[in-house]
Amino acid sequence: MFKRIYQKNAKYIMFNKIKKLSKPRITFLVIVTTYLGYYLGLRSEGLYMIEYNSIISFIHLVVGVFFTSSGSAVLNQYIEKDLDSKMERTKNRPLPSNEVSPIFALFLGVTYCFFGLIYLSYFINYLTAFIAFITIISYLFVYTPLKTRTSLNTIIGSFPGALPPVGGWAAATKEVNSPEPVILFLILFCWQIPHFLSLAIIYKYDYAKAGYKMLPSISKNLDSTMFQIVFFTMALIVSSICIYLLKLTSIVYVIGAVILGMVFLFYSSSILFEESSQKIRKLFLFSIIYFPLLMLLILLDTIFL
């Protein structure tokens, strides 16, 4: 009896460790943004998510994206395990805290990525699998090493972070040579920069201690960081309006998107006048809720209007 209880407890503990390594919140965000591209891709083809084939296809897409995203997260932590041990924010992750062995994490990450790519190739299409492959490679072998080499890493890292909706579009339409996936890419690209730069301001000393060359950590002041935050917030507003110009949404969406964007710009520009930690945290928190609200606007508009 006690042996069974111990075995169940051990399995539960291992499951939790794997769950932490997989970064479920980030993986969920990747799946959600992939869904946005898939949904709009279907709508562009005159299809709906209520059709059997569309639902089955989406389930397969979620499975494939789950494994590629989770695998990338595991491998990223494997690469950065020594740096993570130096930061208060990350020192309790499974690898720096020695909860799991590096070999296990490497095996798990490679297996997840490989399985996810094969799954997407077989059940969706080669184009979607290729986009997932580019995302993995650019995230692990371009963005991750550049975090300790250049302050441009946030901009560079926004490239793989903006690819999921493009993959979703490819899953629905089997092509990406139209302007719609480009606009979806730009929206997510522009959103990430104020989001991650505001986070980098909050943890700038932590990043500096670990050796990350985040812009707020290596600059004498926050002028260049704040300029990028405001610039890309304005670019985000423009990009979000472009969905309407492509006739994917109605004018009601535009009004909502502009209101959301102006609130985002208010929080972004407020730190130009007062560099208080409270205002920076408000900016970061609003950046978290901005994208789900924008996505909700798109979905409601395309369903009811």
Protein backbone atom coordinates (compact mmCIF):
# COMPACT_ATOMS: atom_id res chain seq x y z
CA MET A 1 0.00 0.00 0.00
CA PHE A 2 2.70 2.46 1.04
CA LYS A 3 4.68 1.50 -2.04
CA ARG A 4 1.74 2.41 -4.28
CA ILE A 5 1.27 5.73 -2.51
CA TYR A 6 4.98 6.48 -2.91
CA GLN A 7 4.87 5.60 -6.62
CA LYS A 8 1.83 7.79 -7.22
CA ASN A 9 3.45 10.65 -5.32
CA ALA A 10 6.69 10.25 -7.29
CA LYS A 11 4.76 10.33 -10.58
CA TYR A 12 2.90 13.46 -9.46
CA ILE A 13 6.16 15.19 -8.49
CA MET A 14 7.77 14.28 -11.83
CA PHE A 15 4.67 15.52 -13.69
CA ASN A 16 4.93 18.86 -11.89
CA LYS A 17 8.61 19.15 -12.78
CA ILE A 18 7.89 18.48 -16.45
CA LYS A 19 5.03 20.96 -16.28
CA LYS A 20 7.35 23.67 -14.92
CA LEU A 21 9.93 22.95 -17.61
CA SER A 22 7.28 23.22 -20.32
CA LYS A 23 6.24 26.77 -19.26
CA PRO A 24 2.48 26.09 -19.61
CA ARG A 25 1.45 29.75 -19.57
CA ILE A 26 3.71 30.64 -22.49
CA THR A 27 2.67 27.47 -24.33
CA PHE A 28 -0.97 28.44 -23.79
CA LEU A 29 -0.30 31.91 -25.24
CA VAL A 30 1.37 30.31 -28.27
CA ILE A 31 -1.67 28.06 -28.79
CA VAL A 32 -4.05 31.02 -28.44
CA THR A 33 -2.17 33.14 -30.99
CA THR A 34 -1.98 30.14 -33.31
CA TYR A 35 -5.74 29.80 -32.97
CA LEU A 36 -6.18 33.44 -34.02
CA GLY A 37 -4.32 32.81 -37.27
CA TYR A 38 -6.17 29.53 -37.85
CA TYR A 39 -9.58 31.09 -37.20
CA LEU A 40 -9.00 34.09 -39.48
CA GLY A 41 -7.54 31.79 -42.12
CA LEU A 42 -10.74 29.72 -42.07
CA ARG A 43 -12.88 32.85 -42.29
CA SER A 44 -10.89 34.05 -45.31
CA GLU A 45 -11.81 30.75 -46.98
CA GLY A 46 -15.47 31.17 -46.07
CA LEU A 47 -15.29 28.38 -43.47
CA TYR A 48 -16.21 28.20 -39.79
CA MET A 49 -14.85 26.41 -36.75
CA ILE A 50 -18.15 24.52 -36.43
CA GLU A 51 -17.34 22.18 -39.33
CA TYR A 52 -16.12 18.72 -38.37
CA ASN A 53 -12.93 18.82 -40.47
CA SER A 54 -12.02 22.27 -39.13
CA ILE A 55 -12.42 21.13 -35.53
CA ILE A 56 -10.39 17.93 -36.04
CA SER A 57 -7.69 19.88 -37.86
CA PHE A 58 -7.51 22.40 -35.03
CA ILE A 59 -7.19 19.64 -32.42
CA HIS A 60 -4.24 18.22 -34.37
CA LEU A 61 -2.79 21.73 -34.62
CA VAL A 62 -3.04 22.22 -30.85
CA VAL A 63 -1.29 18.91 -30.19
CA GLY A 64 1.58 19.71 -32.57
CA VAL A 65 2.00 23.27 -31.31
CA PHE A 66 1.86 22.11 -27.69
CA PHE A 67 4.83 19.80 -28.20
CA THR A 68 6.94 22.20 -30.30
CA SER A 69 6.31 25.11 -27.92
CA SER A 70 6.86 23.04 -24.77
CA GLY A 71 9.99 21.46 -26.25
CA SER A 72 11.40 24.88 -27.14
CA ALA A 73 10.75 26.09 -23.58
CA VAL A 74 12.55 23.08 -22.12
CA LEU A 75 15.57 23.48 -24.42
CA ASN A 76 15.71 27.22 -23.71
CA GLN A 77 15.96 26.50 -19.99
CA TYR A 78 18.60 23.85 -20.68
CA ILE A 79 20.72 26.40 -22.56
CA GLU A 80 20.22 29.12 -19.94
CA LYS A 81 20.39 26.97 -16.79
CA ASP A 82 23.63 28.57 -15.52
CA LEU A 83 22.37 32.11 -16.12
CA ASP A 84 18.99 31.33 -14.57
CA SER A 85 20.75 30.27 -11.35
CA LYS A 86 22.04 33.86 -10.96
CA MET A 87 18.63 35.53 -11.14
CA GLU A 88 16.16 35.81 -8.28
CA ARG A 89 13.28 35.50 -10.75
CA THR A 90 14.50 32.23 -12.27
CA LYS A 91 16.77 30.53 -9.72
CA ASN A 92 13.98 28.23 -8.51
CA ARG A 93 13.26 26.78 -11.94
CA PRO A 94 13.70 22.97 -12.15
CA LEU A 95 17.18 23.03 -13.74
CA PRO A 96 19.00 25.66 -11.64
CA SER A 97 17.43 24.24 -8.48
CA ASN A 98 18.59 20.72 -9.48
CA GLU A 99 15.07 19.29 -9.44
CA VAL A 100 15.76 17.58 -12.77
CA SER A 101 19.01 16.62 -14.48
CA PRO A 102 20.24 18.54 -17.55
CA ILE A 103 20.40 15.29 -19.55
CA PHE A 104 16.73 14.59 -18.83
CA ALA A 105 15.75 18.14 -19.85
CA LEU A 106 17.77 17.89 -23.07
CA PHE A 107 16.19 14.54 -23.94
CA LEU A 108 12.69 15.80 -23.10
CA GLY A 109 13.08 19.01 -25.11
CA VAL A 110 14.49 17.31 -28.22
CA THR A 111 11.82 14.58 -28.06
CA TYR A 112 9.00 17.10 -27.70
CA CYS A 113 10.24 19.26 -30.59
CA PHE A 114 10.89 16.31 -32.89
CA PHE A 115 7.50 14.72 -32.14
CA GLY A 116 5.67 18.04 -32.60
CA LEU A 117 7.28 18.69 -35.99
CA ILE A 118 6.53 15.17 -37.24
CA TYR A 119 2.97 15.44 -35.95
CA LEU A 120 2.37 18.78 -37.70
CA SER A 121 3.88 17.44 -40.93
CA TYR A 122 1.62 14.39 -40.93
CA PHE A 123 -1.68 15.75 -39.60
CA ILE A 124 -1.59 19.39 -40.80
CA ASN A 125 0.83 20.23 -43.63
CA TYR A 126 4.52 20.68 -44.34
CA LEU A 127 4.26 24.49 -44.44
CA THR A 128 2.93 24.68 -40.88
CA ALA A 129 5.64 22.27 -39.71
CA PHE A 130 8.28 24.36 -41.48
CA ILE A 131 7.08 27.54 -39.75
CA ALA A 132 7.24 25.71 -36.41
CA PHE A 133 10.76 24.56 -37.29
CA ILE A 134 11.85 28.13 -38.12
CA THR A 135 10.33 29.28 -34.83
CA ILE A 136 12.29 26.69 -32.84
CA ILE A 137 15.59 27.41 -34.62
CA SER A 138 15.33 31.21 -34.42
CA TYR A 139 14.26 31.06 -30.77
CA LEU A 140 16.92 28.64 -29.55
CA PHE A 141 19.90 29.38 -31.79
CA VAL A 142 19.46 33.07 -32.65
CA TYR A 143 17.50 34.83 -29.92
CA THR A 144 18.69 32.83 -26.89
CA PRO A 145 22.46 33.27 -27.44
CA LEU A 146 22.00 36.93 -28.42
CA LYS A 147 20.46 37.74 -25.03
CA THR A 148 23.98 37.92 -23.58
CA ARG A 149 25.53 39.64 -26.61
CA THR A 150 23.34 42.52 -27.77
CA SER A 151 20.59 44.76 -26.42
CA LEU A 152 18.75 44.21 -29.71
CA ASN A 153 17.78 40.76 -28.43
CA THR A 154 14.24 41.89 -27.57
CA ILE A 155 13.56 43.02 -31.12
CA ILE A 156 15.23 39.91 -32.58
CA GLY A 157 13.38 37.62 -30.16
CA SER A 158 10.06 39.11 -31.22
CA PHE A 159 10.50 37.42 -34.61
CA PRO A 160 9.99 33.82 -33.42
CA GLY A 161 7.43 35.07 -30.93
CA ALA A 162 5.30 36.51 -33.75
CA LEU A 163 5.27 33.39 -35.95
CA PRO A 164 2.50 31.30 -34.24
CA PRO A 165 -0.45 33.12 -35.91
CA VAL A 166 1.35 32.73 -39.25
CA GLY A 167 1.54 28.99 -38.58
CA GLY A 168 -2.16 28.99 -37.71
CA TRP A 169 -2.98 30.76 -40.97
CA ALA A 170 -0.87 28.23 -42.89
CA ALA A 171 -2.72 25.37 -41.19
CA ALA A 172 -6.07 26.74 -42.39
CA THR A 173 -5.14 27.96 -45.89
CA LYS A 174 -1.94 26.06 -46.79
CA GLU A 175 -0.30 29.35 -47.83
CA VAL A 176 1.25 32.49 -46.30
CA ASN A 177 1.78 34.58 -49.45
CA SER A 178 -1.08 36.96 -48.67
CA PRO A 179 -1.03 40.18 -46.60
CA GLU A 180 -3.21 38.82 -43.77
CA PRO A 181 -0.58 36.61 -42.05
CA VAL A 182 1.94 39.45 -42.43
CA ILE A 183 -0.37 41.80 -40.51
CA LEU A 184 -0.96 39.18 -37.81
CA PHE A 185 2.81 38.78 -37.55
CA LEU A 186 3.30 42.56 -37.22
CA ILE A 187 0.65 42.88 -34.50
CA LEU A 188 2.27 40.24 -32.33
CA PHE A 189 5.78 41.49 -33.16
CA CYS A 190 4.99 45.08 -32.12
CA TRP A 191 3.12 44.00 -28.99
CA GLN A 192 6.01 41.94 -27.63
CA ILE A 193 8.52 44.79 -27.54
CA PRO A 194 6.76 47.12 -25.05
CA HIS A 195 5.67 44.04 -23.10
CA PHE A 196 9.15 42.56 -22.67
CA LEU A 197 10.98 45.89 -22.35
CA SER A 198 8.71 46.91 -19.47
CA LEU A 199 9.47 43.54 -17.85
CA ALA A 200 13.18 44.17 -18.48
CA ILE A 201 12.92 47.53 -16.68
CA ILE A 202 11.32 45.90 -13.65
CA TYR A 203 14.07 43.25 -13.45
CA LYS A 204 16.95 45.25 -14.91
CA TYR A 205 19.31 44.63 -11.98
CA ASP A 206 18.47 40.93 -11.96
CA TYR A 207 19.19 40.70 -15.70
CA ALA A 208 22.45 42.63 -15.28
CA LYS A 209 23.59 40.29 -12.49
CA ALA A 210 23.08 37.28 -14.76
CA GLY A 211 24.88 38.88 -17.69
CA TYR A 212 21.90 39.48 -19.97
CA LYS A 213 22.33 42.55 -22.18
CA MET A 214 18.80 43.84 -21.83
CA LEU A 215 18.48 47.44 -22.98
CA PRO A 216 17.43 48.86 -19.57
CA SER A 217 20.27 46.95 -17.87
CA ILE A 218 23.12 48.32 -20.00
CA SER A 219 21.87 51.89 -20.60
CA LYS A 220 22.77 54.84 -18.38
CA ASN A 221 19.13 55.91 -18.43
CA LEU A 222 15.83 54.67 -19.77
CA ASP A 223 15.55 57.12 -22.68
CA SER A 224 16.28 54.64 -25.47
CA THR A 225 14.12 51.98 -23.80
CA MET A 226 11.17 54.34 -23.45
CA PHE A 227 11.57 55.50 -27.06
CA GLN A 228 11.30 51.91 -28.28
CA ILE A 229 8.31 51.25 -26.03
CA VAL A 230 6.41 54.28 -27.35
CA PHE A 231 7.46 53.73 -30.98
CA PHE A 232 6.36 50.10 -31.09
CA THR A 233 3.13 50.87 -29.23
CA MET A 234 2.26 53.34 -31.98
CA ALA A 235 3.27 50.78 -34.61
CA LEU A 236 1.01 48.29 -32.84
CA ILE A 237 -1.98 50.63 -33.14
CA VAL A 238 -1.37 51.05 -36.88
CA SER A 239 -0.90 47.30 -37.38
CA SER A 240 -4.09 46.47 -35.51
CA ILE A 241 -6.09 48.81 -37.75
CA CYS A 242 -4.73 47.12 -40.88
CA ILE A 243 -6.88 44.06 -40.18
CA TYR A 244 -9.88 46.24 -41.05
CA LEU A 245 -8.23 47.45 -44.27
CA LEU A 246 -7.95 43.80 -45.34
CA LYS A 247 -11.72 43.48 -44.80
CA LEU A 248 -11.38 40.89 -42.06
CA THR A 249 -13.33 43.02 -39.54
CA SER A 250 -15.88 45.83 -39.37
CA ILE A 251 -15.53 49.47 -38.32
CA VAL A 252 -16.75 48.48 -34.84
CA TYR A 253 -13.53 46.52 -34.36
CA VAL A 254 -11.48 49.54 -35.47
CA ILE A 255 -13.11 51.73 -32.82
CA GLY A 256 -12.40 49.16 -30.13
CA ALA A 257 -8.83 48.58 -31.35
CA VAL A 258 -8.08 52.31 -31.39
CA ILE A 259 -9.45 52.75 -27.86
CA LEU A 260 -7.36 49.82 -26.61
CA GLY A 261 -4.31 51.15 -28.45
CA MET A 262 -4.71 54.66 -27.04
CA VAL A 263 -4.92 53.28 -23.50
CA PHE A 264 -1.75 51.27 -24.21
CA LEU A 265 -0.09 54.42 -25.58
CA PHE A 266 -1.16 56.37 -22.50
CA TYR A 267 0.57 53.89 -20.21
CA SER A 268 3.61 53.73 -22.52
CA SER A 269 4.06 57.50 -22.80
CA SER A 270 3.38 58.13 -19.10
CA ILE A 271 6.83 56.79 -18.21
CA LEU A 272 8.37 59.49 -20.43
CA PHE A 273 7.33 62.06 -17.86
CA GLU A 274 7.86 60.07 -14.67
CA GLU A 275 10.05 56.97 -14.42
CA SER A 276 8.27 55.50 -11.43
CA SER A 277 8.21 51.77 -10.76
CA GLN A 278 4.46 52.00 -10.24
CA LYS A 279 3.87 53.36 -13.75
CA ILE A 280 6.18 50.80 -15.31
CA ARG A 281 4.31 47.99 -13.55
CA LYS A 282 0.98 49.41 -14.75
CA LEU A 283 2.35 49.42 -18.30
CA PHE A 284 3.49 45.82 -17.95
CA LEU A 285 0.17 44.68 -16.49
CA PHE A 286 -1.82 46.41 -19.23
CA SER A 287 0.41 44.87 -21.89
CA ILE A 288 -0.60 41.46 -20.49
CA ILE A 289 -4.33 42.10 -20.89
CA TYR A 290 -4.08 44.10 -24.14
CA PHE A 291 -3.59 41.20 -26.53
CA PRO A 292 -6.37 38.96 -25.12
CA LEU A 293 -8.74 41.95 -25.31
CA LEU A 294 -7.71 42.71 -28.90
CA MET A 295 -8.17 39.08 -29.84
CA LEU A 296 -11.59 39.03 -28.18
CA LEU A 297 -12.53 42.10 -30.22
CA ILE A 298 -11.53 40.34 -33.43
CA LEU A 299 -13.45 37.18 -32.57
CA LEU A 300 -16.63 38.98 -31.47
CA ASP A 301 -16.54 41.24 -34.51
CA THR A 302 -16.11 38.40 -37.01
CA ILE A 303 -18.81 36.30 -35.32
CA PHE A 304 -21.54 38.89 -34.75
CA LEU A 305 -20.88 41.70 -37.25
